[in-house]
Amino acid sequence: MADKIAVENVNAPGHVTNVDAGKYNAMKDAMLIVMAAGPMTAKDIKEAAKSHLPDDLFPGGATSGWWQKCVQLDLEAKGIVARHATKPLTFSLK
């Protein structure tokens, strides 16, 4: 069985879900790299992160959108990522 990691959701406080640790950590690392540049939209984060993802976990970027949102919501819940009241929404590291 694959290793799991518990993730939170800023929109559902107290709710914890277990997800694949390898994919979570790969996306988290990629997001932290690209978000260092400053506020970005979710779409921009997803596209920029793709080039930092291992192809064995995300062949051709497959499922990267779902994982980007999962990690974003978890990092927001943990206070690592800030959501800005812009249109469209932008996110940055705190």
Protein backbone atom coordinates (compact mmCIF):
# COMPACT_ATOMS: atom_id res chain seq x y z
CA MET A 1 0.00 0.00 0.00
CA ALA A 2 1.27 3.47 -0.89
CA ASP A 3 2.30 5.86 1.86
CA LYS A 4 -0.40 8.33 2.83
CA ILE A 5 -0.34 11.86 4.22
CA ALA A 6 -3.15 13.63 6.08
CA VAL A 7 -4.34 16.83 4.40
CA GLU A 8 -6.67 19.55 5.61
CA ASN A 9 -9.05 21.79 3.69
CA VAL A 10 -9.31 25.48 4.54
CA ASN A 11 -12.97 25.34 3.41
CA ALA A 12 -13.83 22.44 5.78
CA PRO A 13 -12.06 23.07 9.12
CA GLY A 14 -11.38 19.92 11.09
CA HIS A 15 -11.89 17.62 8.10
CA VAL A 16 -8.83 15.51 7.31
CA THR A 17 -8.33 13.26 4.28
CA ASN A 18 -5.47 10.85 3.58
CA VAL A 19 -3.90 11.10 0.13
CA ASP A 20 -0.88 9.64 -1.67
CA ALA A 21 2.21 11.09 0.03
CA GLY A 22 4.46 10.84 -3.04
CA LYS A 23 2.16 12.85 -5.28
CA TYR A 24 1.32 15.32 -2.51
CA ASN A 25 4.98 16.00 -1.70
CA ALA A 26 5.97 16.28 -5.37
CA MET A 27 3.24 18.86 -5.99
CA LYS A 28 3.99 20.71 -2.76
CA ASP A 29 7.68 20.99 -3.65
CA ALA A 30 6.84 22.20 -7.17
CA MET A 31 4.34 24.75 -5.88
CA LEU A 32 6.72 26.15 -3.28
CA ILE A 33 9.33 26.66 -6.01
CA VAL A 34 7.03 28.51 -8.42
CA MET A 35 5.12 30.49 -5.79
CA ALA A 36 8.31 32.10 -4.51
CA ALA A 37 7.91 34.62 -7.36
CA GLY A 38 4.87 36.24 -5.74
CA PRO A 39 1.08 36.17 -6.11
CA MET A 40 -0.20 33.85 -8.85
CA THR A 41 -3.56 32.52 -10.01
CA ALA A 42 -4.32 28.83 -9.48
CA LYS A 43 -4.08 28.32 -13.24
CA ASP A 44 -0.64 29.95 -13.37
CA ILE A 45 0.56 27.87 -10.40
CA LYS A 46 -0.64 24.65 -12.05
CA GLU A 47 1.02 25.43 -15.37
CA ALA A 48 4.31 26.58 -13.82
CA ALA A 49 4.45 23.61 -11.44
CA LYS A 50 4.13 21.04 -14.24
CA SER A 51 7.75 21.45 -15.31
CA HIS A 52 8.89 20.60 -11.76
CA LEU A 53 6.83 17.41 -11.40
CA PRO A 54 8.33 13.94 -11.84
CA ASP A 55 7.03 12.29 -14.98
CA ASP A 56 6.65 8.90 -13.27
CA LEU A 57 4.03 10.36 -10.90
CA PHE A 58 2.46 12.87 -13.29
CA PRO A 59 2.97 11.56 -16.85
CA GLY A 60 2.45 14.50 -19.18
CA GLY A 61 1.08 16.52 -16.25
CA ALA A 62 -1.86 14.12 -15.77
CA THR A 63 -4.00 14.88 -12.69
CA SER A 64 -1.81 17.87 -11.79
CA GLY A 65 -4.86 20.15 -11.55
CA TRP A 66 -6.49 18.02 -8.85
CA TRP A 67 -3.26 17.74 -6.90
CA GLN A 68 -2.54 21.46 -7.20
CA LYS A 69 -5.94 22.25 -5.65
CA CYS A 70 -5.52 19.60 -2.94
CA VAL A 71 -2.12 20.97 -1.90
CA GLN A 72 -3.26 24.60 -2.18
CA LEU A 73 -6.22 24.03 0.18
CA ASP A 74 -4.03 22.11 2.63
CA LEU A 75 -1.31 24.78 2.64
CA GLU A 76 -3.94 27.47 3.15
CA ALA A 77 -5.34 25.53 6.13
CA LYS A 78 -1.82 25.24 7.56
CA GLY A 79 -1.15 28.97 7.10
CA ILE A 80 1.64 28.51 4.54
CA VAL A 81 -0.27 29.96 1.57
CA ALA A 82 -2.37 33.13 1.58
CA ARG A 83 -5.44 33.70 -0.60
CA HIS A 84 -5.84 37.26 -1.87
CA ALA A 85 -9.21 38.92 -2.51
CA THR A 86 -8.47 39.64 -6.15
CA LYS A 87 -10.31 38.76 -9.34
CA PRO A 88 -9.24 36.26 -10.39
CA LEU A 89 -8.11 34.88 -7.02
CA THR A 90 -4.38 34.89 -6.46
CA PHE A 91 -2.28 32.98 -3.96
CA SER A 92 1.15 33.56 -2.45
CA LEU A 93 3.42 32.18 0.22
CA LYS A 94 2.99 33.82 3.60
